[in-house]
């Protein structure tokens, strides 16, 4: 089955509206549906999101079991495993939409801001996350508005730019087989906002 990438994004955002305002429509998983999706892997969107338990993509987009190829790591930070997972979704599963999903009050971004502000890098493994987010923090330090929100949004854009350095992702975009967008989820309102659009096209 062929998909129009904009229709998929519209479907996600409509699901988010249900989640935020009217309640979800996706039913509890039945044995029949579980058996159906067990036979074939056909997600229609990749969601690269934060591991924060308040940001479960299947819920906030009101999706069913099997709909989304979800990759979650604190601050959406990319390492080899994360990148390989994205590339698998793009190359092997031919998923036409990739959403990088940041969120308000992100603890990883907040830690990076604190480290930047105090010039003290955590000594534990957490420093890997902090250092990866540093460029977004530095880029937004003098902007008006809430530093944390600005840094979260800048981090989403930074991640998208890093993903586009992947030959698999770049090739899929150039062939108009992949649409990439950045999004921001507000924990308080439940609303997802598209913050980094990418040109759309119809898949033949």
Protein backbone atom coordinates (compact mmCIF):
# COMPACT_ATOMS: atom_id res chain seq x y z
CA UNK A 1 0.00 0.00 0.00
CA UNK A 2 1.30 3.43 -0.97
CA UNK A 3 1.00 6.40 1.34
CA UNK A 4 0.83 10.15 0.94
CA UNK A 5 3.24 11.51 3.53
CA UNK A 6 1.15 14.57 4.30
CA UNK A 7 -1.89 12.37 4.93
CA UNK A 8 0.14 10.38 7.45
CA UNK A 9 1.21 13.53 9.26
CA UNK A 10 -2.39 14.75 9.22
CA UNK A 11 -3.49 11.42 10.71
CA UNK A 12 -0.97 11.79 13.53
CA UNK A 13 -2.03 15.36 14.29
CA UNK A 14 -5.72 14.45 14.21
CA UNK A 15 -4.95 11.65 16.66
CA UNK A 16 -3.17 14.16 18.87
CA UNK A 17 -6.24 16.42 18.81
CA UNK A 18 -8.37 13.52 20.00
CA UNK A 19 -5.89 12.75 22.75
CA UNK A 20 -5.72 16.37 23.91
CA UNK A 21 -9.39 17.34 23.67
CA UNK A 22 -11.81 14.47 23.14
CA UNK A 23 -10.20 11.30 24.39
CA UNK A 24 -8.56 8.49 22.45
CA UNK A 25 -10.36 6.16 20.07
CA UNK A 26 -7.78 3.38 19.85
CA UNK A 27 -9.18 0.36 21.68
CA UNK A 28 -7.43 -1.84 24.17
CA UNK A 29 -5.38 -4.45 22.37
CA UNK A 30 -7.43 -7.53 21.61
CA UNK A 31 -6.03 -10.97 20.95
CA UNK A 32 -7.29 -10.75 17.36
CA UNK A 33 -5.56 -7.45 16.66
CA UNK A 34 -2.38 -8.62 18.36
CA UNK A 35 -2.41 -11.72 16.17
CA UNK A 36 -2.99 -9.61 13.06
CA UNK A 37 -0.03 -7.28 13.60
CA UNK A 38 2.20 -10.18 14.64
CA UNK A 39 2.02 -11.45 11.06
CA UNK A 40 3.40 -8.34 9.39
CA UNK A 41 5.45 -5.27 10.35
CA UNK A 42 3.99 -2.23 8.54
CA UNK A 43 4.28 0.94 10.64
CA UNK A 44 3.45 4.16 8.82
CA UNK A 45 5.67 6.57 10.80
CA UNK A 46 8.98 6.60 12.66
CA UNK A 47 8.87 8.56 15.91
CA UNK A 48 12.24 9.48 17.41
CA UNK A 49 11.26 10.72 20.86
CA UNK A 50 12.43 11.15 24.41
CA UNK A 51 12.39 8.32 26.94
CA UNK A 52 10.44 10.52 29.37
CA UNK A 53 7.48 8.35 30.50
CA UNK A 54 5.13 11.32 30.08
CA UNK A 55 5.66 11.27 26.31
CA UNK A 56 4.43 7.91 24.95
CA UNK A 57 3.97 8.42 21.18
CA UNK A 58 1.30 5.74 20.76
CA UNK A 59 -0.88 7.55 23.28
CA UNK A 60 -0.32 11.16 22.31
CA UNK A 61 -0.99 10.37 18.63
CA UNK A 62 -3.85 7.99 19.48
CA UNK A 63 -2.40 5.15 17.43
CA UNK A 64 -3.00 1.42 17.38
CA UNK A 65 -0.61 -1.40 18.08
CA UNK A 66 1.71 -1.73 15.08
CA UNK A 67 1.16 1.79 13.69
CA UNK A 68 4.38 3.43 14.84
CA UNK A 69 8.07 2.53 14.71
CA UNK A 70 9.14 4.16 17.97
CA UNK A 71 12.72 4.94 19.01
CA UNK A 72 13.08 6.54 22.45
CA UNK A 73 16.19 7.92 24.15
CA UNK A 74 16.65 10.80 26.57
CA UNK A 75 16.74 14.09 24.69
CA UNK A 76 16.33 12.22 21.37
CA UNK A 77 20.13 12.05 21.31
CA UNK A 78 21.55 10.12 18.37
CA UNK A 79 24.15 7.39 18.73
CA UNK A 80 25.03 4.54 16.37
CA UNK A 81 22.22 2.31 17.62
CA UNK A 82 19.61 5.06 17.29
CA UNK A 83 20.81 6.01 13.82
CA UNK A 84 20.85 2.38 12.72
CA UNK A 85 17.28 1.99 13.97
CA UNK A 86 16.16 5.03 11.96
CA UNK A 87 17.95 3.73 8.88
CA UNK A 88 16.31 0.32 9.30
CA UNK A 89 12.90 1.98 9.36
CA UNK A 90 13.72 4.02 6.26
CA UNK A 91 15.55 1.43 4.16
CA UNK A 92 14.06 -1.90 5.18
CA UNK A 93 10.53 -0.95 6.20
CA UNK A 94 10.18 1.94 3.71
CA UNK A 95 8.44 4.13 6.28
CA UNK A 96 7.57 7.43 4.59
CA UNK A 97 7.41 9.76 7.60
CA UNK A 98 10.00 10.50 10.30
CA UNK A 99 9.03 12.69 13.26
CA UNK A 100 11.63 13.95 15.74
CA UNK A 101 9.60 14.68 18.86
CA UNK A 102 10.88 17.00 21.60
CA UNK A 103 8.82 18.06 24.59
CA UNK A 104 8.43 20.72 27.25
CA UNK A 105 10.31 20.42 30.55
CA UNK A 106 12.78 17.94 29.07
CA UNK A 107 15.11 16.82 31.85
CA UNK A 108 18.01 16.03 29.52
CA UNK A 109 17.91 19.50 27.95
CA UNK A 110 17.51 21.09 31.36
CA UNK A 111 20.61 19.25 32.57
CA UNK A 112 22.53 20.49 29.54
CA UNK A 113 21.49 24.06 30.31
CA UNK A 114 22.59 23.69 33.93
CA UNK A 115 25.94 22.26 32.85
CA UNK A 116 26.42 25.07 30.35
CA UNK A 117 25.42 27.72 32.88
CA UNK A 118 27.71 26.39 35.63
CA UNK A 119 30.45 25.08 33.34
CA UNK A 120 30.29 21.78 35.20
CA UNK A 121 29.89 18.64 33.07
CA UNK A 122 28.45 15.58 34.87
CA UNK A 123 31.08 12.92 35.48
CA UNK A 124 28.73 9.96 35.00
CA UNK A 125 27.58 8.51 31.69
CA UNK A 126 24.99 11.27 31.62
CA UNK A 127 27.69 13.56 30.24
CA UNK A 128 27.22 11.93 26.83
CA UNK A 129 23.66 13.27 26.67
CA UNK A 130 24.64 16.67 27.98
CA UNK A 131 27.46 17.12 25.49
CA UNK A 132 25.23 16.06 22.59
CA UNK A 133 22.63 18.69 23.50
CA UNK A 134 25.19 21.45 24.22
CA UNK A 135 25.07 22.99 20.70
CA UNK A 136 21.32 23.60 21.00
CA UNK A 137 21.81 25.15 24.44
CA UNK A 138 24.59 27.44 23.25
CA UNK A 139 22.62 28.47 20.15
CA UNK A 140 19.65 29.64 22.22
CA UNK A 141 21.34 31.17 25.27
CA UNK A 142 20.73 34.78 24.21
CA UNK A 143 17.25 34.38 22.71
CA UNK A 144 14.19 35.95 24.26
CA UNK A 145 11.68 33.64 25.91
CA UNK A 146 12.17 30.57 28.05
CA UNK A 147 15.65 29.14 27.51
CA UNK A 148 14.51 25.56 28.10
CA UNK A 149 11.74 25.71 25.49
CA UNK A 150 14.00 27.40 22.96
CA UNK A 151 16.73 24.83 23.54
CA UNK A 152 14.31 21.90 23.16
CA UNK A 153 13.15 23.25 19.81
CA UNK A 154 16.72 23.95 18.68
CA UNK A 155 17.71 20.43 19.73
CA UNK A 156 14.97 18.98 17.52
CA UNK A 157 16.31 20.93 14.56
CA UNK A 158 19.88 19.90 15.39
CA UNK A 159 18.87 16.23 15.47
CA UNK A 160 17.13 16.52 12.11
CA UNK A 161 20.26 18.04 10.61
CA UNK A 162 22.33 15.18 12.01
CA UNK A 163 19.90 12.60 10.65
CA UNK A 164 20.16 14.15 7.19
CA UNK A 165 23.89 13.41 7.25
CA UNK A 166 22.95 9.73 7.02
CA UNK A 167 23.20 8.59 3.42
CA UNK A 168 20.11 6.42 3.87
CA UNK A 169 18.01 9.30 5.18
CA UNK A 170 19.39 11.82 2.69
CA UNK A 171 18.83 9.44 -0.22
CA UNK A 172 15.23 8.76 0.81
CA UNK A 173 14.56 12.49 1.10
CA UNK A 174 16.12 13.20 -2.29
CA UNK A 175 13.96 10.49 -3.87
CA UNK A 176 10.88 12.00 -2.18
CA UNK A 177 10.35 8.72 -0.35
CA UNK A 178 10.68 10.29 3.09
CA UNK A 179 9.26 13.34 4.82
CA UNK A 180 11.06 14.55 7.96
CA UNK A 181 9.49 16.91 10.48
CA UNK A 182 10.34 18.16 13.94
CA UNK A 183 7.66 18.44 16.60
CA UNK A 184 7.25 19.85 20.11
CA UNK A 185 4.91 18.25 22.64
CA UNK A 186 3.52 20.35 25.49
CA UNK A 187 3.15 18.21 28.60
CA UNK A 188 0.54 20.50 30.13
CA UNK A 189 -1.80 20.87 27.15
CA UNK A 190 -1.18 17.55 25.39
CA UNK A 191 -0.74 19.39 22.08
CA UNK A 192 1.89 18.54 19.47
CA UNK A 193 3.19 21.44 17.38
CA UNK A 194 5.17 21.02 14.17
CA UNK A 195 8.29 23.17 14.53
CA UNK A 196 10.55 21.98 11.72
CA UNK A 197 8.63 21.26 8.50
CA UNK A 198 10.09 19.61 5.42
CA UNK A 199 8.78 19.93 1.89
CA UNK A 200 6.10 17.38 1.09
CA UNK A 201 5.37 15.34 -1.96
CA UNK A 202 3.07 12.55 -2.98
CA UNK A 203 4.42 9.02 -3.19
CA UNK A 204 3.60 7.36 -6.47
